[in-house]
C-alpha atoms as a PDB file:
ATOM      1  CA  MET A   1      22.748  18.483  -4.376  1.00  0.00           C
ATOM      2  CA  VAL A   2      19.190  17.244  -2.990  1.00  0.00           C
ATOM      3  CA  ALA A   3      17.456  19.168  -5.680  1.00  0.00           C
ATOM      4  CA  TYR A   4      19.973  17.915  -8.450  1.00  0.00           C
ATOM      5  CA  ASN A   5      19.400  14.191  -7.107  1.00  0.00           C
ATOM      6  CA  LEU A   6      15.537  14.879  -7.167  1.00  0.00           C
ATOM      7  CA  ALA A   7      15.808  16.245 -10.844  1.00  0.00           C
ATOM      8  CA  GLN A   8      17.778  13.185 -12.046  1.00  0.00           C
ATOM      9  CA  THR A   9      15.374  10.861 -10.351  1.00  0.00           C
ATOM     10  CA  MET A  10      12.398  12.577 -11.960  1.00  0.00           C
ATOM     11  CA  ILE A  11      14.066  12.346 -15.473  1.00  0.00           C
ATOM     12  CA  HIS A  12      14.812   8.594 -14.920  1.00  0.00           C
ATOM     13  CA  VAL A  13      11.045   8.200 -13.996  1.00  0.00           C
ATOM     14  CA  LEU A  14       9.735  10.312 -16.940  1.00  0.00           C
ATOM     15  CA  GLN A  15      11.992   8.347 -19.392  1.00  0.00           C
ATOM     16  CA  ALA A  16      10.759   5.177 -18.043  1.00  0.00           C
ATOM     17  CA  CYS A  17       7.149   6.160 -18.639  1.00  0.00           C
ATOM     18  CA  GLY A  18       7.802   6.592 -22.369  1.00  0.00           C
ATOM     19  CA  ASP A  19       4.612   8.215 -24.036  1.00  0.00           C
ATOM     20  CA  ASP A  20       2.314   7.050 -21.411  1.00  0.00           C
ATOM     21  CA  LEU A  21       2.447  10.046 -18.931  1.00  0.00           C
ATOM     22  CA  THR A  22      -0.695   9.290 -17.008  1.00  0.00           C
ATOM     23  CA  ARG A  23      -0.624   9.560 -13.188  1.00  0.00           C
ATOM     24  CA  ALA A  24      -0.870   5.765 -12.771  1.00  0.00           C
ATOM     25  CA  ASN A  25       2.104   5.006 -14.857  1.00  0.00           C
ATOM     26  CA  ILE A  26       4.182   7.836 -13.418  1.00  0.00           C
ATOM     27  CA  MET A  27       3.541   6.384  -9.898  1.00  0.00           C
ATOM     28  CA  LYS A  28       4.155   2.890 -11.216  1.00  0.00           C
ATOM     29  CA  GLN A  29       7.625   3.809 -12.503  1.00  0.00           C
ATOM     30  CA  ALA A  30       8.361   5.813  -9.482  1.00  0.00           C
ATOM     31  CA  ALA A  31       7.582   2.769  -7.283  1.00  0.00           C
ATOM     32  CA  SER A  32       9.699   0.471  -9.387  1.00  0.00           C
ATOM     33  CA  ILE A  33      13.263   2.118  -9.401  1.00  0.00           C
ATOM     34  CA  LYS A  34      16.004  -0.455  -9.172  1.00  0.00           C
ATOM     35  CA  GLY A  35      19.698   0.364  -8.874  1.00  0.00           C
ATOM     36  CA  LEU A  36      19.551   3.929 -10.005  1.00  0.00           C
ATOM     37  CA  GLN A  37      22.849   5.550  -9.530  1.00  0.00           C
ATOM     38  CA  LEU A  38      22.712   9.462  -9.175  1.00  0.00           C
ATOM     39  CA  ASP A  39      25.790  11.751  -9.726  1.00  0.00           C
ATOM     40  CA  GLY A  40      25.182  13.477  -6.276  1.00  0.00           C
ATOM     41  CA  LEU A  41      25.447  10.276  -4.301  1.00  0.00           C
ATOM     42  CA  LEU A  42      28.568   8.449  -3.275  1.00  0.00           C
ATOM     43  CA  PRO A  43      29.714   5.746  -5.684  1.00  0.00           C
ATOM     44  CA  GLY A  44      27.928   2.357  -4.755  1.00  0.00           C
ATOM     45  CA  VAL A  45      24.817   4.045  -3.254  1.00  0.00           C
ATOM     46  CA  THR A  46      21.904   3.298  -5.280  1.00  0.00           C
ATOM     47  CA  VAL A  47      18.205   4.408  -5.337  1.00  0.00           C
ATOM     48  CA  ASN A  48      15.621   1.512  -5.047  1.00  0.00           C
ATOM     49  CA  THR A  49      11.924   1.778  -4.602  1.00  0.00           C
ATOM     50  CA  SER A  50       8.942  -0.747  -4.640  1.00  0.00           C
ATOM     51  CA  ALA A  51       5.243  -0.806  -4.315  1.00  0.00           C
ATOM     52  CA  THR A  52       5.530  -1.320  -0.586  1.00  0.00           C
ATOM     53  CA  ASP A  53       8.645   0.581   0.063  1.00  0.00           C
ATOM     54  CA  PHE A  54       9.099   4.210  -0.990  1.00  0.00           C
ATOM     55  CA  ALA A  55      12.215   5.092   0.868  1.00  0.00           C
ATOM     56  CA  PRO A  56      14.679   5.298  -1.932  1.00  0.00           C
ATOM     57  CA  ILE A  57      18.136   5.333  -0.232  1.00  0.00           C
ATOM     58  CA  LYS A  58      19.017   2.757   2.306  1.00  0.00           C
ATOM     59  CA  GLN A  59      22.762   3.115   2.360  1.00  0.00           C
ATOM     60  CA  LEU A  60      25.188   5.442   3.970  1.00  0.00           C
ATOM     61  CA  GLN A  61      28.916   5.831   4.874  1.00  0.00           C
ATOM     62  CA  LEU A  62      30.207   7.516   7.973  1.00  0.00           C
ATOM     63  CA  ILE A  63      32.281  10.613   7.815  1.00  0.00           C
ATOM     64  CA  ARG A  64      34.497  12.415  10.095  1.00  0.00           C
ATOM     65  CA  PHE A  65      36.249  15.864  10.257  1.00  0.00           C
ATOM     66  CA  HIS A  66      40.049  15.156  10.318  1.00  0.00           C
ATOM     67  CA  GLY A  67      41.957  18.525  10.739  1.00  0.00           C
ATOM     68  CA  GLU A  68      41.077  20.494   7.762  1.00  0.00           C
ATOM     69  CA  ARG A  69      38.857  18.134   5.792  1.00  0.00           C
ATOM     70  CA  TRP A  70      36.030  15.515   5.948  1.00  0.00           C
ATOM     71  CA  GLU A  71      37.046  11.892   5.442  1.00  0.00           C
ATOM     72  CA  LEU A  72      34.903   8.935   4.763  1.00  0.00           C
ATOM     73  CA  PHE A  73      35.594   5.872   6.865  1.00  0.00           C
ATOM     74  CA  GLY A  74      34.510   2.360   7.445  1.00  0.00           C
ATOM     75  CA  ASP A  75      32.101   0.368   5.030  1.00  0.00           C
ATOM     76  CA  PHE A  76      28.685   1.215   3.787  1.00  0.00           C
ATOM     77  CA  VAL A  77      25.901   0.864   6.359  1.00  0.00           C
ATOM     78  CA  THR A  78      22.701  -0.542   4.885  1.00  0.00           C
ATOM     79  CA  SER A  79      19.166  -0.379   6.269  1.00  0.00           C
ATOM     80  CA  GLU A  80      16.799  -2.851   4.773  1.00  0.00           C
ATOM     81  CA  VAL A  81      13.059  -2.537   5.674  1.00  0.00           C
ATOM     82  CA  SER A  82      11.410  -5.691   6.725  1.00  0.00           C
ATOM     83  CA  ASP A  83       7.890  -6.599   5.395  1.00  0.00           C
ATOM     84  CA  GLN A  84       7.023  -8.195   8.761  1.00  0.00           C
END
């Protein structure tokens, strides 16, 4: 799933580049992803990057094993990086 998510993200970045496939533009597009939803992530979890924050995923949901299967529980936990 990690490779699938990475491939989807790369496709998004390359499409955002259009015909300008220079290193500078690829880096610019990769550092300006907003609200990208990937098929391999839980619904509601989005990928966001900026020029000062390259950590793409800041949301998670807890999971526990219940008998024979895994169950999600609780609300999403969000971690925001402060610029301070």
